[in-house]
Amino acid sequence: MKEKPVVLVVDDEEKILELVKSYLEINGYRGICAKTGKEGLDYFQNNHVDLLLLDLMLPDVSGEDLCRTVRSVSDIPVIMITARADEESVIHGLAIGADDYVCKPFSPRQLMARVKTALRRTDGGLDGKRFVSGDLLVDTGNRRISRGGKELPLTSHEYRILALLMSRPMKIFTRDEIIEYTKGEDYDGFDRAVDTHIKKIRRKIGDDPKSPRYIMTVYGMGYRFADGGEGPV
């Protein structure tokens, strides 16, 4: 029997923990609740977790710090839950490694839809393929990205964006297409978040934005991966 996906919920509001856990269990997930950042981190470090639901306003450590810690060792989906609804806060949350951003008050049904989408993305429509360009390799079967044989620490979203671009070299992907693929149709995102991800991908793969070898900016349209790679193998 297949084990239920484990969703760790870190929030200091008891009512939210009870509500979210109830909806998780109704939808076939195993919900684990933590009231503090330390409690959540302890569970994460000692148990298997498939997805993290994380409040930013915690009583001990900030949600941002916890997200950075998790992201430094894992690419599990991270969905932030917060009352901060301004665009800058959303972009900042995505920049430090979050995969999605839900503002309070939220619809539990919409949250479950985002959980489902995030977990489905970890399986991915490109799984089982390998994309090669020079010394850059994306192995979707093993969720591994390397350059010159050295594995690169890309986040879940960075990994998916790079795999998407490499899957169809020379195709121009608009920001909306990238957002839809990486976050799902129900995601209310911002174009600038895509630019932030691209900037971080370029830095990690050693791509000079002024003279890019891999990811090309098509001004007014989006991004494409440079031709000349071996493509899928």
C-alpha atoms as a PDB file:
ATOM      1  CA  MET A   1       0.000   0.000   0.000  1.00  0.00           C
ATOM      2  CA  LYS A   2       1.374   3.402  -0.997  1.00  0.00           C
ATOM      3  CA  GLU A   3       2.195   5.626   1.962  1.00  0.00           C
ATOM      4  CA  LYS A   4       0.380   8.917   2.316  1.00  0.00           C
ATOM      5  CA  PRO A   5       2.421  12.043   1.449  1.00  0.00           C
ATOM      6  CA  VAL A   6       3.607  13.766   4.626  1.00  0.00           C
ATOM      7  CA  VAL A   7       2.806  17.477   4.894  1.00  0.00           C
ATOM      8  CA  LEU A   8       4.492  19.372   7.736  1.00  0.00           C
ATOM      9  CA  VAL A   9       2.491  22.433   8.855  1.00  0.00           C
ATOM     10  CA  VAL A  10       4.364  25.046  10.905  1.00  0.00           C
ATOM     11  CA  ASP A  11       2.095  27.751  12.344  1.00  0.00           C
ATOM     12  CA  ASP A  12       1.632  29.208  15.819  1.00  0.00           C
ATOM     13  CA  GLU A  13      -2.162  29.535  15.452  1.00  0.00           C
ATOM     14  CA  GLU A  14      -3.896  26.482  16.908  1.00  0.00           C
ATOM     15  CA  LYS A  15      -7.088  26.961  14.898  1.00  0.00           C
ATOM     16  CA  ILE A  16      -5.184  27.097  11.617  1.00  0.00           C
ATOM     17  CA  LEU A  17      -3.233  23.954  12.509  1.00  0.00           C
ATOM     18  CA  GLU A  18      -6.435  22.076  13.322  1.00  0.00           C
ATOM     19  CA  LEU A  19      -8.199  23.302  10.165  1.00  0.00           C
ATOM     20  CA  VAL A  20      -5.316  22.553   7.801  1.00  0.00           C
ATOM     21  CA  LYS A  21      -4.609  19.137   9.332  1.00  0.00           C
ATOM     22  CA  SER A  22      -8.282  18.204   9.018  1.00  0.00           C
ATOM     23  CA  TYR A  23      -8.359  19.159   5.331  1.00  0.00           C
ATOM     24  CA  LEU A  24      -5.064  17.385   4.675  1.00  0.00           C
ATOM     25  CA  GLU A  25      -6.382  14.147   6.138  1.00  0.00           C
ATOM     26  CA  ILE A  26      -9.673  14.426   4.241  1.00  0.00           C
ATOM     27  CA  ASN A  27      -7.668  14.807   1.026  1.00  0.00           C
ATOM     28  CA  GLY A  28      -5.496  11.772   1.657  1.00  0.00           C
ATOM     29  CA  TYR A  29      -2.382  13.340   3.200  1.00  0.00           C
ATOM     30  CA  ARG A  30      -0.723  12.843   6.560  1.00  0.00           C
ATOM     31  CA  GLY A  31      -0.609  16.180   8.364  1.00  0.00           C
ATOM     32  CA  ILE A  32       2.068  16.851  10.976  1.00  0.00           C
ATOM     33  CA  CYS A  33       1.673  20.036  13.033  1.00  0.00           C
ATOM     34  CA  ALA A  34       4.345  22.176  14.685  1.00  0.00           C
ATOM     35  CA  LYS A  35       3.670  25.355  16.678  1.00  0.00           C
ATOM     36  CA  THR A  36       7.220  26.757  16.539  1.00  0.00           C
ATOM     37  CA  GLY A  37      10.028  26.940  14.019  1.00  0.00           C
ATOM     38  CA  LYS A  38      12.288  24.827  16.246  1.00  0.00           C
ATOM     39  CA  GLU A  39       9.649  22.126  16.599  1.00  0.00           C
ATOM     40  CA  GLY A  40       9.117  22.098  12.849  1.00  0.00           C
ATOM     41  CA  LEU A  41      12.847  21.979  12.103  1.00  0.00           C
ATOM     42  CA  ASP A  42      13.386  19.134  14.584  1.00  0.00           C
ATOM     43  CA  TYR A  43      10.686  17.072  12.886  1.00  0.00           C
ATOM     44  CA  PHE A  44      12.015  17.875   9.409  1.00  0.00           C
ATOM     45  CA  GLN A  45      15.561  16.869  10.314  1.00  0.00           C
ATOM     46  CA  ASN A  46      14.530  13.536  11.817  1.00  0.00           C
ATOM     47  CA  ASN A  47      11.642  12.399   9.617  1.00  0.00           C
ATOM     48  CA  HIS A  48      10.552  12.124   6.012  1.00  0.00           C
ATOM     49  CA  VAL A  49       8.600  15.166   4.782  1.00  0.00           C
ATOM     50  CA  ASP A  50       7.093  15.576   1.301  1.00  0.00           C
ATOM     51  CA  LEU A  51       5.883  19.184   1.569  1.00  0.00           C
ATOM     52  CA  LEU A  52       6.186  22.080   4.021  1.00  0.00           C
ATOM     53  CA  LEU A  53       3.408  24.574   4.804  1.00  0.00           C
ATOM     54  CA  LEU A  54       5.139  27.424   6.588  1.00  0.00           C
ATOM     55  CA  ASP A  55       3.854  30.496   8.418  1.00  0.00           C
ATOM     56  CA  LEU A  56       6.250  33.456   8.269  1.00  0.00           C
ATOM     57  CA  MET A  57       5.297  34.927  11.659  1.00  0.00           C
ATOM     58  CA  LEU A  58       6.599  32.382  14.170  1.00  0.00           C
ATOM     59  CA  PRO A  59       7.321  33.016  17.876  1.00  0.00           C
ATOM     60  CA  ASP A  60      10.943  31.813  17.885  1.00  0.00           C
ATOM     61  CA  VAL A  61      12.600  31.849  14.457  1.00  0.00           C
ATOM     62  CA  SER A  62      11.309  33.599  11.361  1.00  0.00           C
ATOM     63  CA  GLY A  63       9.659  31.631   8.601  1.00  0.00           C
ATOM     64  CA  GLU A  64      12.237  33.073   6.202  1.00  0.00           C
ATOM     65  CA  ASP A  65      15.116  31.633   8.237  1.00  0.00           C
ATOM     66  CA  LEU A  66      13.420  28.260   8.492  1.00  0.00           C
ATOM     67  CA  CYS A  67      12.781  28.253   4.750  1.00  0.00           C
ATOM     68  CA  ARG A  68      16.448  29.010   4.047  1.00  0.00           C
ATOM     69  CA  THR A  69      17.544  26.202   6.357  1.00  0.00           C
ATOM     70  CA  VAL A  70      15.230  23.667   4.729  1.00  0.00           C
ATOM     71  CA  ARG A  71      16.110  24.823   1.246  1.00  0.00           C
ATOM     72  CA  SER A  72      19.848  24.484   1.912  1.00  0.00           C
ATOM     73  CA  VAL A  73      19.468  20.720   2.285  1.00  0.00           C
ATOM     74  CA  SER A  74      16.263  19.813   0.449  1.00  0.00           C
ATOM     75  CA  ASP A  75      14.199  20.692  -2.622  1.00  0.00           C
ATOM     76  CA  ILE A  76      10.823  19.628  -1.169  1.00  0.00           C
ATOM     77  CA  PRO A  77       7.985  22.020  -2.067  1.00  0.00           C
ATOM     78  CA  VAL A  78       7.590  24.890   0.401  1.00  0.00           C
ATOM     79  CA  ILE A  79       4.330  26.855   0.510  1.00  0.00           C
ATOM     80  CA  MET A  80       4.410  29.970   2.675  1.00  0.00           C
ATOM     81  CA  ILE A  81       1.273  31.013   4.557  1.00  0.00           C
ATOM     82  CA  THR A  82       1.234  34.608   5.712  1.00  0.00           C
ATOM     83  CA  ALA A  83      -0.763  37.786   6.214  1.00  0.00           C
ATOM     84  CA  ARG A  84       1.799  39.716   4.157  1.00  0.00           C
ATOM     85  CA  ALA A  85       0.062  40.137   0.816  1.00  0.00           C
ATOM     86  CA  ASP A  86       2.154  42.878  -0.815  1.00  0.00           C
ATOM     87  CA  GLU A  87       4.072  42.093  -3.994  1.00  0.00           C
ATOM     88  CA  GLU A  88       7.513  42.716  -2.485  1.00  0.00           C
ATOM     89  CA  SER A  89       6.895  40.181   0.281  1.00  0.00           C
ATOM     90  CA  VAL A  90       5.744  37.579  -2.241  1.00  0.00           C
ATOM     91  CA  ILE A  91       8.781  38.123  -4.450  1.00  0.00           C
ATOM     92  CA  HIS A  92      11.097  37.988  -1.429  1.00  0.00           C
ATOM     93  CA  GLY A  93       9.530  34.724  -0.287  1.00  0.00           C
ATOM     94  CA  LEU A  94       9.995  33.176  -3.715  1.00  0.00           C
ATOM     95  CA  ALA A  95      13.553  34.479  -3.903  1.00  0.00           C
ATOM     96  CA  ILE A  96      14.614  32.657  -0.727  1.00  0.00           C
ATOM     97  CA  GLY A  97      13.262  29.360  -1.980  1.00  0.00           C
ATOM     98  CA  ALA A  98       9.498  29.158  -1.493  1.00  0.00           C
ATOM     99  CA  ASP A  99       7.513  27.425  -4.235  1.00  0.00           C
ATOM    100  CA  ASP A 100       4.192  29.127  -3.585  1.00  0.00           C
ATOM    101  CA  TYR A 101       2.676  31.839  -1.422  1.00  0.00           C
ATOM    102  CA  VAL A 102      -0.785  31.782   0.213  1.00  0.00           C
ATOM    103  CA  CYS A 103      -2.143  34.847   1.985  1.00  0.00           C
ATOM    104  CA  LYS A 104      -4.307  34.779   5.114  1.00  0.00           C
ATOM    105  CA  PRO A 105      -7.223  34.495   5.296  1.00  0.00           C
ATOM    106  CA  PHE A 106      -7.240  31.667   2.772  1.00  0.00           C
ATOM    107  CA  SER A 107      -9.652  29.107   1.383  1.00  0.00           C
ATOM    108  CA  PRO A 108      -8.777  25.617   2.706  1.00  0.00           C
ATOM    109  CA  ARG A 109      -9.959  24.103  -0.578  1.00  0.00           C
ATOM    110  CA  GLN A 110      -7.686  26.381  -2.575  1.00  0.00           C
ATOM    111  CA  LEU A 111      -4.798  25.536  -0.256  1.00  0.00           C
ATOM    112  CA  MET A 112      -5.399  21.814  -0.843  1.00  0.00           C
ATOM    113  CA  ALA A 113      -5.417  22.432  -4.597  1.00  0.00           C
ATOM    114  CA  ARG A 114      -2.027  24.105  -4.302  1.00  0.00           C
ATOM    115  CA  VAL A 115      -0.688  21.268  -2.150  1.00  0.00           C
ATOM    116  CA  LYS A 116      -1.848  18.764  -4.764  1.00  0.00           C
ATOM    117  CA  THR A 117      -0.293  20.807  -7.573  1.00  0.00           C
ATOM    118  CA  ALA A 118       3.012  21.182  -5.728  1.00  0.00           C
ATOM    119  CA  LEU A 119       3.259  17.459  -4.990  1.00  0.00           C
ATOM    120  CA  ARG A 120       2.299  16.602  -8.557  1.00  0.00           C
ATOM    121  CA  ARG A 121       5.105  18.838  -9.809  1.00  0.00           C
ATOM    122  CA  THR A 122       7.636  16.818  -7.860  1.00  0.00           C
ATOM    123  CA  ASP A 123       6.717  13.905 -10.136  1.00  0.00           C
ATOM    124  CA  GLY A 124       6.862  16.152 -13.178  1.00  0.00           C
ATOM    125  CA  GLY A 125       5.873  15.672 -16.816  1.00  0.00           C
ATOM    126  CA  LEU A 126       9.516  15.531 -17.917  1.00  0.00           C
ATOM    127  CA  ASP A 127      10.572  12.748 -15.568  1.00  0.00           C
ATOM    128  CA  GLY A 128      12.721   9.963 -16.980  1.00  0.00           C
ATOM    129  CA  LYS A 129      14.511  12.205 -19.487  1.00  0.00           C
ATOM    130  CA  ARG A 130      18.039  13.597 -19.595  1.00  0.00           C
ATOM    131  CA  PHE A 131      18.868  16.929 -21.198  1.00  0.00           C
ATOM    132  CA  VAL A 132      22.458  17.767 -22.097  1.00  0.00           C
ATOM    133  CA  SER A 133      24.106  20.939 -23.335  1.00  0.00           C
ATOM    134  CA  GLY A 134      27.887  20.881 -23.310  1.00  0.00           C
ATOM    135  CA  ASP A 135      28.920  20.028 -19.758  1.00  0.00           C
ATOM    136  CA  LEU A 136      25.474  20.899 -18.334  1.00  0.00           C
ATOM    137  CA  LEU A 137      23.246  17.914 -17.533  1.00  0.00           C
ATOM    138  CA  VAL A 138      19.662  17.753 -16.265  1.00  0.00           C
ATOM    139  CA  ASP A 139      18.672  14.219 -15.260  1.00  0.00           C
ATOM    140  CA  THR A 140      14.940  14.316 -14.484  1.00  0.00           C
ATOM    141  CA  GLY A 141      14.837  10.634 -13.610  1.00  0.00           C
ATOM    142  CA  ASN A 142      17.080  11.264 -10.603  1.00  0.00           C
ATOM    143  CA  ARG A 143      16.190  14.964 -10.181  1.00  0.00           C
ATOM    144  CA  ARG A 144      19.870  15.830 -10.592  1.00  0.00           C
ATOM    145  CA  ILE A 145      21.532  18.814 -12.250  1.00  0.00           C
ATOM    146  CA  SER A 146      25.263  18.903 -12.772  1.00  0.00           C
ATOM    147  CA  ARG A 147      27.887  20.835 -14.661  1.00  0.00           C
ATOM    148  CA  GLY A 148      31.246  19.290 -15.415  1.00  0.00           C
ATOM    149  CA  GLY A 149      30.258  16.356 -13.226  1.00  0.00           C
ATOM    150  CA  LYS A 150      29.620  18.564 -10.183  1.00  0.00           C
ATOM    151  CA  GLU A 151      26.081  18.490  -8.805  1.00  0.00           C
ATOM    152  CA  LEU A 152      24.386  21.893  -8.537  1.00  0.00           C
ATOM    153  CA  PRO A 153      22.108  22.875  -5.599  1.00  0.00           C
ATOM    154  CA  LEU A 154      19.050  24.157  -7.480  1.00  0.00           C
ATOM    155  CA  THR A 155      15.711  24.512  -5.708  1.00  0.00           C
ATOM    156  CA  SER A 156      12.629  22.639  -6.897  1.00  0.00           C
ATOM    157  CA  HIS A 157      11.402  25.601  -8.950  1.00  0.00           C
ATOM    158  CA  GLU A 158      14.824  26.391 -10.392  1.00  0.00           C
ATOM    159  CA  TYR A 159      15.187  22.750 -11.381  1.00  0.00           C
ATOM    160  CA  ARG A 160      11.815  22.693 -13.132  1.00  0.00           C
ATOM    161  CA  ILE A 161      12.399  25.959 -14.978  1.00  0.00           C
ATOM    162  CA  LEU A 162      15.782  24.807 -16.274  1.00  0.00           C
ATOM    163  CA  ALA A 163      14.402  21.394 -17.280  1.00  0.00           C
ATOM    164  CA  LEU A 164      11.515  23.105 -19.095  1.00  0.00           C
ATOM    165  CA  LEU A 165      13.808  25.442 -21.025  1.00  0.00           C
ATOM    166  CA  MET A 166      16.228  22.634 -21.932  1.00  0.00           C
ATOM    167  CA  SER A 167      13.391  20.349 -23.044  1.00  0.00           C
ATOM    168  CA  ARG A 168      12.761  22.537 -26.097  1.00  0.00           C
ATOM    169  CA  PRO A 169      15.891  24.500 -27.085  1.00  0.00           C
ATOM    170  CA  MET A 170      15.235  27.681 -29.069  1.00  0.00           C
ATOM    171  CA  LYS A 171      11.539  27.783 -28.077  1.00  0.00           C
ATOM    172  CA  ILE A 172      10.682  31.080 -26.433  1.00  0.00           C
ATOM    173  CA  PHE A 173       8.821  30.462 -23.177  1.00  0.00           C
ATOM    174  CA  THR A 174       6.822  33.438 -21.949  1.00  0.00           C
ATOM    175  CA  ARG A 175       6.811  34.257 -18.259  1.00  0.00           C
ATOM    176  CA  ASP A 176       3.173  33.157 -18.064  1.00  0.00           C
ATOM    177  CA  GLU A 177       4.066  29.769 -19.579  1.00  0.00           C
ATOM    178  CA  ILE A 178       6.883  29.320 -17.077  1.00  0.00           C
ATOM    179  CA  ILE A 179       4.616  30.287 -14.178  1.00  0.00           C
ATOM    180  CA  GLU A 180       1.873  27.921 -15.365  1.00  0.00           C
ATOM    181  CA  TYR A 181       4.300  24.999 -15.711  1.00  0.00           C
ATOM    182  CA  THR A 182       6.101  25.495 -12.438  1.00  0.00           C
ATOM    183  CA  LYS A 183       3.233  26.649 -10.226  1.00  0.00           C
ATOM    184  CA  GLY A 184       0.007  25.548 -11.896  1.00  0.00           C
ATOM    185  CA  GLU A 185      -2.842  27.411 -13.542  1.00  0.00           C
ATOM    186  CA  ASP A 186      -4.329  28.520 -10.227  1.00  0.00           C
ATOM    187  CA  TYR A 187      -1.224  30.430  -9.182  1.00  0.00           C
ATOM    188  CA  ASP A 188      -1.578  34.203  -8.980  1.00  0.00           C
ATOM    189  CA  GLY A 189       2.065  35.098  -9.502  1.00  0.00           C
ATOM    190  CA  PHE A 190       4.146  37.990 -10.698  1.00  0.00           C
ATOM    191  CA  ASP A 191       6.385  38.200 -13.766  1.00  0.00           C
ATOM    192  CA  ARG A 192       9.248  39.482 -11.642  1.00  0.00           C
ATOM    193  CA  ALA A 193       9.308  36.218  -9.694  1.00  0.00           C
ATOM    194  CA  VAL A 194      10.311  34.396 -12.897  1.00  0.00           C
ATOM    195  CA  ASP A 195      13.108  36.893 -13.469  1.00  0.00           C
ATOM    196  CA  THR A 196      14.335  36.269  -9.925  1.00  0.00           C
ATOM    197  CA  HIS A 197      14.439  32.517 -10.508  1.00  0.00           C
ATOM    198  CA  ILE A 198      16.258  32.938 -13.830  1.00  0.00           C
ATOM    199  CA  LYS A 199      18.847  35.187 -12.192  1.00  0.00           C
ATOM    200  CA  LYS A 200      19.536  32.572  -9.504  1.00  0.00           C
ATOM    201  CA  ILE A 201      19.683  29.724 -12.051  1.00  0.00           C
ATOM    202  CA  ARG A 202      22.208  31.632 -14.129  1.00  0.00           C
ATOM    203  CA  ARG A 203      24.386  32.226 -11.092  1.00  0.00           C
ATOM    204  CA  LYS A 204      24.300  28.579 -10.044  1.00  0.00           C
ATOM    205  CA  ILE A 205      25.083  27.162 -13.494  1.00  0.00           C
ATOM    206  CA  GLY A 206      27.760  29.778 -14.148  1.00  0.00           C
ATOM    207  CA  ASP A 207      25.905  31.551 -16.939  1.00  0.00           C
ATOM    208  CA  ASP A 208      27.013  35.163 -17.469  1.00  0.00           C
ATOM    209  CA  PRO A 209      23.826  37.275 -17.899  1.00  0.00           C
ATOM    210  CA  LYS A 210      25.752  39.811 -20.009  1.00  0.00           C
ATOM    211  CA  SER A 211      26.999  37.126 -22.385  1.00  0.00           C
ATOM    212  CA  PRO A 212      24.870  34.036 -21.686  1.00  0.00           C
ATOM    213  CA  ARG A 213      25.821  30.624 -22.971  1.00  0.00           C
ATOM    214  CA  TYR A 214      22.695  28.802 -21.870  1.00  0.00           C
ATOM    215  CA  ILE A 215      19.651  30.946 -20.994  1.00  0.00           C
ATOM    216  CA  MET A 216      18.838  33.752 -23.398  1.00  0.00           C
ATOM    217  CA  THR A 217      16.564  36.687 -22.617  1.00  0.00           C
ATOM    218  CA  VAL A 218      14.130  37.530 -25.408  1.00  0.00           C
ATOM    219  CA  TYR A 219      13.155  41.061 -24.512  1.00  0.00           C
ATOM    220  CA  GLY A 220       9.444  41.704 -24.376  1.00  0.00           C
ATOM    221  CA  MET A 221       8.694  37.983 -24.691  1.00  0.00           C
ATOM    222  CA  GLY A 222      10.460  35.701 -22.195  1.00  0.00           C
ATOM    223  CA  TYR A 223      13.351  33.240 -22.154  1.00  0.00           C
ATOM    224  CA  ARG A 224      14.759  30.445 -24.307  1.00  0.00           C
ATOM    225  CA  PHE A 225      17.545  27.933 -23.963  1.00  0.00           C
ATOM    226  CA  ALA A 226      20.416  28.332 -26.431  1.00  0.00           C
ATOM    227  CA  ASP A 227      20.577  25.921 -29.361  1.00  0.00           C
ATOM    228  CA  GLY A 228      23.658  23.768 -29.750  1.00  0.00           C
ATOM    229  CA  GLY A 229      23.009  21.330 -26.910  1.00  0.00           C
ATOM    230  CA  GLU A 230      22.416  17.628 -27.403  1.00  0.00           C
ATOM    231  CA  GLY A 231      18.811  17.928 -26.233  1.00  0.00           C
ATOM    232  CA  PRO A 232      17.014  14.970 -24.667  1.00  0.00           C
ATOM    233  CA  VAL A 233      18.993  11.725 -24.452  1.00  0.00           C
END
